[in-house]
PDB file of N, CA and C in Angstrom:
ATOM      1  N   MET A   1     -33.241 -21.203  -8.235  1.00  0.00           N
ATOM      2  CA  MET A   1     -32.287 -22.017  -7.518  1.00  0.00           C
ATOM      3  C   MET A   1     -31.237 -22.501  -8.505  1.00  0.00           C
ATOM      4  N   LEU A   2     -29.984 -22.258  -8.194  1.00  0.00           N
ATOM      5  CA  LEU A   2     -28.890 -22.628  -9.083  1.00  0.00           C
ATOM      6  C   LEU A   2     -28.267 -23.932  -8.618  1.00  0.00           C
ATOM      7  N   THR A   3     -28.802 -25.032  -9.092  1.00  0.00           N
ATOM      8  CA  THR A   3     -28.251 -26.335  -8.706  1.00  0.00           C
ATOM      9  C   THR A   3     -27.364 -26.915  -9.790  1.00  0.00           C
ATOM     10  N   SER A   4     -27.339 -26.285 -10.964  1.00  0.00           N
ATOM     11  CA  SER A   4     -26.558 -26.834 -12.064  1.00  0.00           C
ATOM     12  C   SER A   4     -25.153 -26.239 -12.133  1.00  0.00           C
ATOM     13  N   CYS A   5     -24.698 -25.637 -11.066  1.00  0.00           N
ATOM     14  CA  CYS A   5     -23.360 -25.050 -11.033  1.00  0.00           C
ATOM     15  C   CYS A   5     -22.346 -26.159 -10.751  1.00  0.00           C
ATOM     16  N   PRO A   6     -21.548 -26.521 -11.728  1.00  0.00           N
ATOM     17  CA  PRO A   6     -20.592 -27.610 -11.507  1.00  0.00           C
ATOM     18  C   PRO A   6     -19.425 -27.156 -10.638  1.00  0.00           C
ATOM     19  N   SER A   7     -18.971 -28.035  -9.808  1.00  0.00           N
ATOM     20  CA  SER A   7     -17.837 -27.708  -8.941  1.00  0.00           C
ATOM     21  C   SER A   7     -16.541 -27.699  -9.736  1.00  0.00           C
ATOM     22  N   ASN A   8     -16.535 -28.261 -10.936  1.00  0.00           N
ATOM     23  CA  ASN A   8     -15.335 -28.273 -11.770  1.00  0.00           C
ATOM     24  C   ASN A   8     -14.938 -26.851 -12.159  1.00  0.00           C
ATOM     25  N   GLY A   9     -15.898 -25.959 -12.370  1.00  0.00           N
ATOM     26  CA  GLY A   9     -15.599 -24.573 -12.690  1.00  0.00           C
ATOM     27  C   GLY A   9     -14.894 -23.869 -11.547  1.00  0.00           C
ATOM     28  N   ILE A  10     -15.297 -24.176 -10.322  1.00  0.00           N
ATOM     29  CA  ILE A  10     -14.649 -23.592  -9.143  1.00  0.00           C
ATOM     30  C   ILE A  10     -13.230 -24.105  -9.029  1.00  0.00           C
ATOM     31  N   ASP A  11     -13.007 -25.377  -9.317  1.00  0.00           N
ATOM     32  CA  ASP A  11     -11.659 -25.939  -9.283  1.00  0.00           C
ATOM     33  C   ASP A  11     -10.757 -25.254 -10.305  1.00  0.00           C
ATOM     34  N   ASN A  12     -11.297 -24.959 -11.493  1.00  0.00           N
ATOM     35  CA  ASN A  12     -10.503 -24.289 -12.513  1.00  0.00           C
ATOM     36  C   ASN A  12     -10.106 -22.883 -12.071  1.00  0.00           C
ATOM     37  N   VAL A  13     -11.017 -22.177 -11.408  1.00  0.00           N
ATOM     38  CA  VAL A  13     -10.712 -20.837 -10.916  1.00  0.00           C
ATOM     39  C   VAL A  13      -9.631 -20.911  -9.847  1.00  0.00           C
ATOM     40  N   ASN A  14      -9.753 -21.832  -8.923  1.00  0.00           N
ATOM     41  CA  ASN A  14      -8.742 -21.971  -7.879  1.00  0.00           C
ATOM     42  C   ASN A  14      -7.390 -22.338  -8.467  1.00  0.00           C
ATOM     43  N   ARG A  15      -7.376 -23.213  -9.463  1.00  0.00           N
ATOM     44  CA  ARG A  15      -6.136 -23.616 -10.114  1.00  0.00           C
ATOM     45  C   ARG A  15      -5.519 -22.416 -10.826  1.00  0.00           C
ATOM     46  N   THR A  16      -6.357 -21.614 -11.487  1.00  0.00           N
ATOM     47  CA  THR A  16      -5.867 -20.430 -12.185  1.00  0.00           C
ATOM     48  C   THR A  16      -5.324 -19.411 -11.185  1.00  0.00           C
ATOM     49  N   ASP A  17      -6.015 -19.229 -10.061  1.00  0.00           N
ATOM     50  CA  ASP A  17      -5.545 -18.299  -9.036  1.00  0.00           C
ATOM     51  C   ASP A  17      -4.207 -18.746  -8.457  1.00  0.00           C
ATOM     52  N   ARG A  18      -4.066 -20.033  -8.217  1.00  0.00           N
ATOM     53  CA  ARG A  18      -2.801 -20.533  -7.679  1.00  0.00           C
ATOM     54  C   ARG A  18      -1.665 -20.352  -8.667  1.00  0.00           C
ATOM     55  N   LYS A  19      -1.943 -20.576  -9.956  1.00  0.00           N
ATOM     56  CA  LYS A  19      -0.919 -20.383 -10.985  1.00  0.00           C
ATOM     57  C   LYS A  19      -0.538 -18.918 -11.078  1.00  0.00           C
ATOM     58  N   LEU A  20      -1.520 -18.030 -11.023  1.00  0.00           N
ATOM     59  CA  LEU A  20      -1.247 -16.604 -11.059  1.00  0.00           C
ATOM     60  C   LEU A  20      -0.417 -16.176  -9.850  1.00  0.00           C
ATOM     61  N   LEU A  21      -0.779 -16.656  -8.676  1.00  0.00           N
ATOM     62  CA  LEU A  21      -0.033 -16.339  -7.467  1.00  0.00           C
ATOM     63  C   LEU A  21       1.404 -16.832  -7.573  1.00  0.00           C
ATOM     64  N   ARG A  22       1.585 -18.045  -8.041  1.00  0.00           N
ATOM     65  CA  ARG A  22       2.934 -18.591  -8.202  1.00  0.00           C
ATOM     66  C   ARG A  22       3.743 -17.752  -9.179  1.00  0.00           C
ATOM     67  N   ASP A  23       3.127 -17.375 -10.310  1.00  0.00           N
ATOM     68  CA  ASP A  23       3.828 -16.563 -11.303  1.00  0.00           C
ATOM     69  C   ASP A  23       4.211 -15.197 -10.733  1.00  0.00           C
ATOM     70  N   LEU A  24       3.314 -14.586  -9.968  1.00  0.00           N
ATOM     71  CA  LEU A  24       3.624 -13.289  -9.363  1.00  0.00           C
ATOM     72  C   LEU A  24       4.758 -13.392  -8.352  1.00  0.00           C
ATOM     73  N   VAL A  25       4.749 -14.451  -7.551  1.00  0.00           N
ATOM     74  CA  VAL A  25       5.820 -14.645  -6.574  1.00  0.00           C
ATOM     75  C   VAL A  25       7.154 -14.843  -7.289  1.00  0.00           C
ATOM     76  N   VAL A  26       7.165 -15.599  -8.371  1.00  0.00           N
ATOM     77  CA  VAL A  26       8.398 -15.820  -9.129  1.00  0.00           C
ATOM     78  C   VAL A  26       8.906 -14.507  -9.711  1.00  0.00           C
ATOM     79  N   VAL A  27       8.019 -13.693 -10.281  1.00  0.00           N
ATOM     80  CA  VAL A  27       8.431 -12.428 -10.876  1.00  0.00           C
ATOM     81  C   VAL A  27       8.984 -11.483  -9.816  1.00  0.00           C
ATOM     82  N   VAL A  28       8.335 -11.386  -8.669  1.00  0.00           N
ATOM     83  CA  VAL A  28       8.818 -10.514  -7.603  1.00  0.00           C
ATOM     84  C   VAL A  28      10.169 -11.013  -7.081  1.00  0.00           C
ATOM     85  N   ALA A  29      10.327 -12.303  -6.936  1.00  0.00           N
ATOM     86  CA  ALA A  29      11.604 -12.860  -6.470  1.00  0.00           C
ATOM     87  C   ALA A  29      12.713 -12.558  -7.474  1.00  0.00           C
ATOM     88  N   LEU A  30      12.435 -12.712  -8.762  1.00  0.00           N
ATOM     89  CA  LEU A  30      13.438 -12.403  -9.776  1.00  0.00           C
ATOM     90  C   LEU A  30      13.805 -10.922  -9.764  1.00  0.00           C
ATOM     91  N   LYS A  31      12.829 -10.058  -9.584  1.00  0.00           N
ATOM     92  CA  LYS A  31      13.122  -8.624  -9.512  1.00  0.00           C
ATOM     93  C   LYS A  31      14.014  -8.314  -8.313  1.00  0.00           C
ATOM     94  N   LEU A  32      13.730  -8.932  -7.178  1.00  0.00           N
ATOM     95  CA  LEU A  32      14.566  -8.706  -6.003  1.00  0.00           C
ATOM     96  C   LEU A  32      15.995  -9.189  -6.232  1.00  0.00           C
ATOM     97  N   ILE A  33      16.137 -10.310  -6.891  1.00  0.00           N
ATOM     98  CA  ILE A  33      17.471 -10.836  -7.196  1.00  0.00           C
ATOM     99  C   ILE A  33      18.213  -9.893  -8.128  1.00  0.00           C
ATOM    100  N   VAL A  34      17.544  -9.420  -9.182  1.00  0.00           N
ATOM    101  CA  VAL A  34      18.182  -8.513 -10.138  1.00  0.00           C
ATOM    102  C   VAL A  34      18.564  -7.203  -9.447  1.00  0.00           C
ATOM    103  N   LEU A  35      17.674  -6.650  -8.637  1.00  0.00           N
ATOM    104  CA  LEU A  35      17.995  -5.412  -7.921  1.00  0.00           C
ATOM    105  C   LEU A  35      19.160  -5.605  -6.964  1.00  0.00           C
ATOM    106  N   SER A  36      19.217  -6.741  -6.299  1.00  0.00           N
ATOM    107  CA  SER A  36      20.324  -7.014  -5.388  1.00  0.00           C
ATOM    108  C   SER A  36      21.644  -7.106  -6.132  1.00  0.00           C
ATOM    109  N   VAL A  37      21.637  -7.782  -7.275  1.00  0.00           N
ATOM    110  CA  VAL A  37      22.860  -7.907  -8.080  1.00  0.00           C
ATOM    111  C   VAL A  37      23.309  -6.536  -8.572  1.00  0.00           C
ATOM    112  N   LEU A  38      22.371  -5.726  -9.046  1.00  0.00           N
ATOM    113  CA  LEU A  38      22.723  -4.386  -9.514  1.00  0.00           C
ATOM    114  C   LEU A  38      23.263  -3.523  -8.377  1.00  0.00           C
ATOM    115  N   TRP A  39      22.662  -3.634  -7.192  1.00  0.00           N
ATOM    116  CA  TRP A  39      23.137  -2.869  -6.053  1.00  0.00           C
ATOM    117  C   TRP A  39      24.552  -3.281  -5.682  1.00  0.00           C
ATOM    118  N   PHE A  40      24.798  -4.605  -5.632  1.00  0.00           N
ATOM    119  CA  PHE A  40      26.143  -5.076  -5.297  1.00  0.00           C
ATOM    120  C   PHE A  40      27.147  -4.666  -6.354  1.00  0.00           C
ATOM    121  N   ALA A  41      26.748  -4.635  -7.618  1.00  0.00           N
ATOM    122  CA  ALA A  41      27.674  -4.315  -8.691  1.00  0.00           C
ATOM    123  C   ALA A  41      28.004  -2.825  -8.772  1.00  0.00           C
ATOM    124  N   PHE A  42      27.034  -1.954  -8.503  1.00  0.00           N
ATOM    125  CA  PHE A  42      27.244  -0.541  -8.780  1.00  0.00           C
ATOM    126  C   PHE A  42      27.160   0.388  -7.569  1.00  0.00           C
ATOM    127  N   VAL A  43      26.458   0.042  -6.532  1.00  0.00           N
ATOM    128  CA  VAL A  43      26.196   0.988  -5.454  1.00  0.00           C
ATOM    129  C   VAL A  43      26.965   0.667  -4.186  1.00  0.00           C
ATOM    130  N   ARG A  44      27.190  -0.572  -3.901  1.00  0.00           N
ATOM    131  CA  ARG A  44      27.723  -0.997  -2.607  1.00  0.00           C
ATOM    132  C   ARG A  44      29.041  -0.316  -2.257  1.00  0.00           C
ATOM    133  N   ASP A  45      29.953  -0.198  -3.203  1.00  0.00           N
ATOM    134  CA  ASP A  45      31.280   0.339  -2.907  1.00  0.00           C
ATOM    135  C   ASP A  45      31.370   1.850  -3.046  1.00  0.00           C
ATOM    136  N   GLN A  46      30.294   2.498  -3.430  1.00  0.00           N
ATOM    137  CA  GLN A  46      30.313   3.953  -3.584  1.00  0.00           C
ATOM    138  C   GLN A  46      30.180   4.604  -2.213  1.00  0.00           C
ATOM    139  N   GLY A  47      31.098   5.484  -1.920  1.00  0.00           N
ATOM    140  CA  GLY A  47      31.057   6.180  -0.644  1.00  0.00           C
ATOM    141  C   GLY A  47      30.721   7.650  -0.865  1.00  0.00           C
ATOM    142  N   VAL A  48      30.009   8.222   0.054  1.00  0.00           N
ATOM    143  CA  VAL A  48      29.669   9.634  -0.018  1.00  0.00           C
ATOM    144  C   VAL A  48      30.292  10.313   1.186  1.00  0.00           C
ATOM    145  N   SER A  49      31.197  11.261   0.908  1.00  0.00           N
ATOM    146  CA  SER A  49      31.797  11.995   2.019  1.00  0.00           C
ATOM    147  C   SER A  49      30.931  13.210   2.321  1.00  0.00           C
ATOM    148  N   VAL A  50      30.626  13.370   3.591  1.00  0.00           N
ATOM    149  CA  VAL A  50      29.769  14.465   4.022  1.00  0.00           C
ATOM    150  C   VAL A  50      30.561  15.344   4.974  1.00  0.00           C
ATOM    151  N   ASP A  51      30.662  16.623   4.629  1.00  0.00           N
ATOM    152  CA  ASP A  51      31.305  17.597   5.492  1.00  0.00           C
ATOM    153  C   ASP A  51      30.211  18.247   6.336  1.00  0.00           C
ATOM    154  N   ALA A  52      30.362  18.204   7.633  1.00  0.00           N
ATOM    155  CA  ALA A  52      29.319  18.704   8.528  1.00  0.00           C
ATOM    156  C   ALA A  52      29.059  20.194   8.305  1.00  0.00           C
ATOM    157  N   GLY A  53      30.084  20.958   8.073  1.00  0.00           N
ATOM    158  CA  GLY A  53      29.912  22.395   7.862  1.00  0.00           C
ATOM    159  C   GLY A  53      29.142  22.698   6.581  1.00  0.00           C
ATOM    160  N   ARG A  54      29.479  22.003   5.509  1.00  0.00           N
ATOM    161  CA  ARG A  54      28.772  22.230   4.241  1.00  0.00           C
ATOM    162  C   ARG A  54      27.330  21.752   4.321  1.00  0.00           C
ATOM    163  N   ALA A  55      27.093  20.648   5.021  1.00  0.00           N
ATOM    164  CA  ALA A  55      25.718  20.159   5.167  1.00  0.00           C
ATOM    165  C   ALA A  55      24.879  21.138   5.975  1.00  0.00           C
ATOM    166  N   ALA A  56      25.446  21.679   7.042  1.00  0.00           N
ATOM    167  CA  ALA A  56      24.718  22.655   7.858  1.00  0.00           C
ATOM    168  C   ALA A  56      24.437  23.920   7.057  1.00  0.00           C
ATOM    169  N   ALA A  57      25.412  24.367   6.258  1.00  0.00           N
ATOM    170  CA  ALA A  57      25.211  25.561   5.443  1.00  0.00           C
ATOM    171  C   ALA A  57      24.128  25.329   4.394  1.00  0.00           C
ATOM    172  N   ALA A  58      24.109  24.167   3.817  1.00  0.00           N
ATOM    173  CA  ALA A  58      23.101  23.868   2.797  1.00  0.00           C
ATOM    174  C   ALA A  58      21.706  23.785   3.410  1.00  0.00           C
ATOM    175  N   LEU A  59      21.613  23.309   4.641  1.00  0.00           N
ATOM    176  CA  LEU A  59      20.311  23.183   5.293  1.00  0.00           C
ATOM    177  C   LEU A  59      19.788  24.498   5.841  1.00  0.00           C
ATOM    178  N   THR A  60      20.686  25.396   6.221  1.00  0.00           N
ATOM    179  CA  THR A  60      20.238  26.647   6.843  1.00  0.00           C
ATOM    180  C   THR A  60      20.158  27.810   5.874  1.00  0.00           C
ATOM    181  N   SER A  61      20.741  27.698   4.696  1.00  0.00           N
ATOM    182  CA  SER A  61      20.695  28.812   3.747  1.00  0.00           C
ATOM    183  C   SER A  61      19.350  28.833   3.029  1.00  0.00           C
ATOM    184  N   PRO A  62      18.888  30.047   2.653  1.00  0.00           N
ATOM    185  CA  PRO A  62      17.622  30.115   1.914  1.00  0.00           C
ATOM    186  C   PRO A  62      17.783  29.500   0.526  1.00  0.00           C
ATOM    187  N   ALA A  63      16.707  28.978   0.025  1.00  0.00           N
ATOM    188  CA  ALA A  63      16.747  28.326  -1.284  1.00  0.00           C
ATOM    189  C   ALA A  63      17.034  29.367  -2.354  1.00  0.00           C
ATOM    190  N   SER A  64      17.966  29.070  -3.217  1.00  0.00           N
ATOM    191  CA  SER A  64      18.300  30.019  -4.275  1.00  0.00           C
ATOM    192  C   SER A  64      17.385  29.798  -5.467  1.00  0.00           C
ATOM    193  N   GLY A  65      17.048  30.876  -6.130  1.00  0.00           N
ATOM    194  CA  GLY A  65      16.239  30.779  -7.330  1.00  0.00           C
ATOM    195  C   GLY A  65      14.743  30.822  -7.091  1.00  0.00           C
ATOM    196  N   LEU A  66      14.305  30.828  -5.850  1.00  0.00           N
ATOM    197  CA  LEU A  66      12.879  30.903  -5.565  1.00  0.00           C
ATOM    198  C   LEU A  66      12.501  32.347  -5.289  1.00  0.00           C
ATOM    199  N   ARG A  67      11.430  32.779  -5.895  1.00  0.00           N
ATOM    200  CA  ARG A  67      10.937  34.129  -5.667  1.00  0.00           C
ATOM    201  C   ARG A  67       9.885  34.099  -4.571  1.00  0.00           C
ATOM    202  N   ALA A  68       9.646  35.264  -3.979  1.00  0.00           N
ATOM    203  CA  ALA A  68       8.656  35.343  -2.903  1.00  0.00           C
ATOM    204  C   ALA A  68       7.266  35.023  -3.422  1.00  0.00           C
ATOM    205  N   SER A  69       6.923  35.541  -4.588  1.00  0.00           N
ATOM    206  CA  SER A  69       5.614  35.234  -5.164  1.00  0.00           C
ATOM    207  C   SER A  69       5.815  34.302  -6.347  1.00  0.00           C
ATOM    208  N   GLN A  70       5.034  33.287  -6.432  1.00  0.00           N
ATOM    209  CA  GLN A  70       5.197  32.292  -7.478  1.00  0.00           C
ATOM    210  C   GLN A  70       4.510  32.690  -8.777  1.00  0.00           C
ATOM    211  N   GLY A  71       3.498  33.553  -8.709  1.00  0.00           N
ATOM    212  CA  GLY A  71       2.758  33.946  -9.906  1.00  0.00           C
ATOM    213  C   GLY A  71       3.339  35.192 -10.545  1.00  0.00           C
ATOM    214  N   GLU A  72       2.726  35.656 -11.604  1.00  0.00           N
ATOM    215  CA  GLU A  72       3.161  36.894 -12.243  1.00  0.00           C
ATOM    216  C   GLU A  72       2.692  38.069 -11.395  1.00  0.00           C
ATOM    217  N   ASN A  73       3.451  39.158 -11.428  1.00  0.00           N
ATOM    218  CA  ASN A  73       3.086  40.292 -10.599  1.00  0.00           C
ATOM    219  C   ASN A  73       2.131  41.254 -11.316  1.00  0.00           C
ATOM    220  N   HIS A  74       1.885  41.115 -12.593  1.00  0.00           N
ATOM    221  CA  HIS A  74       0.915  41.894 -13.360  1.00  0.00           C
ATOM    222  C   HIS A  74       1.098  43.399 -13.189  1.00  0.00           C
ATOM    223  N   GLY A  75       2.325  43.873 -13.376  1.00  0.00           N
ATOM    224  CA  GLY A  75       2.592  45.296 -13.358  1.00  0.00           C
ATOM    225  C   GLY A  75       2.645  45.907 -11.989  1.00  0.00           C
ATOM    226  N   GLN A  76       2.807  45.152 -10.956  1.00  0.00           N
ATOM    227  CA  GLN A  76       2.859  45.696  -9.593  1.00  0.00           C
ATOM    228  C   GLN A  76       4.243  46.163  -9.267  1.00  0.00           C
TER     229      GLN A  76
END
């Protein structure tokens, strides 16, 4: 029977868990802020023009550079 287990140890674990959770939330929030700033600074104003004909041709054409067999043919 374990009756000598002090409740102070449980309080320390809970306090440590709360501190860890707080630190993780702060780090994730800072990362989101940094990513948002970088996106606004470098990506937001970049536009990509898409030509429907070129996109259709790229999607329907066979892939270039791929061979029918991926392995060596061993003299076949």
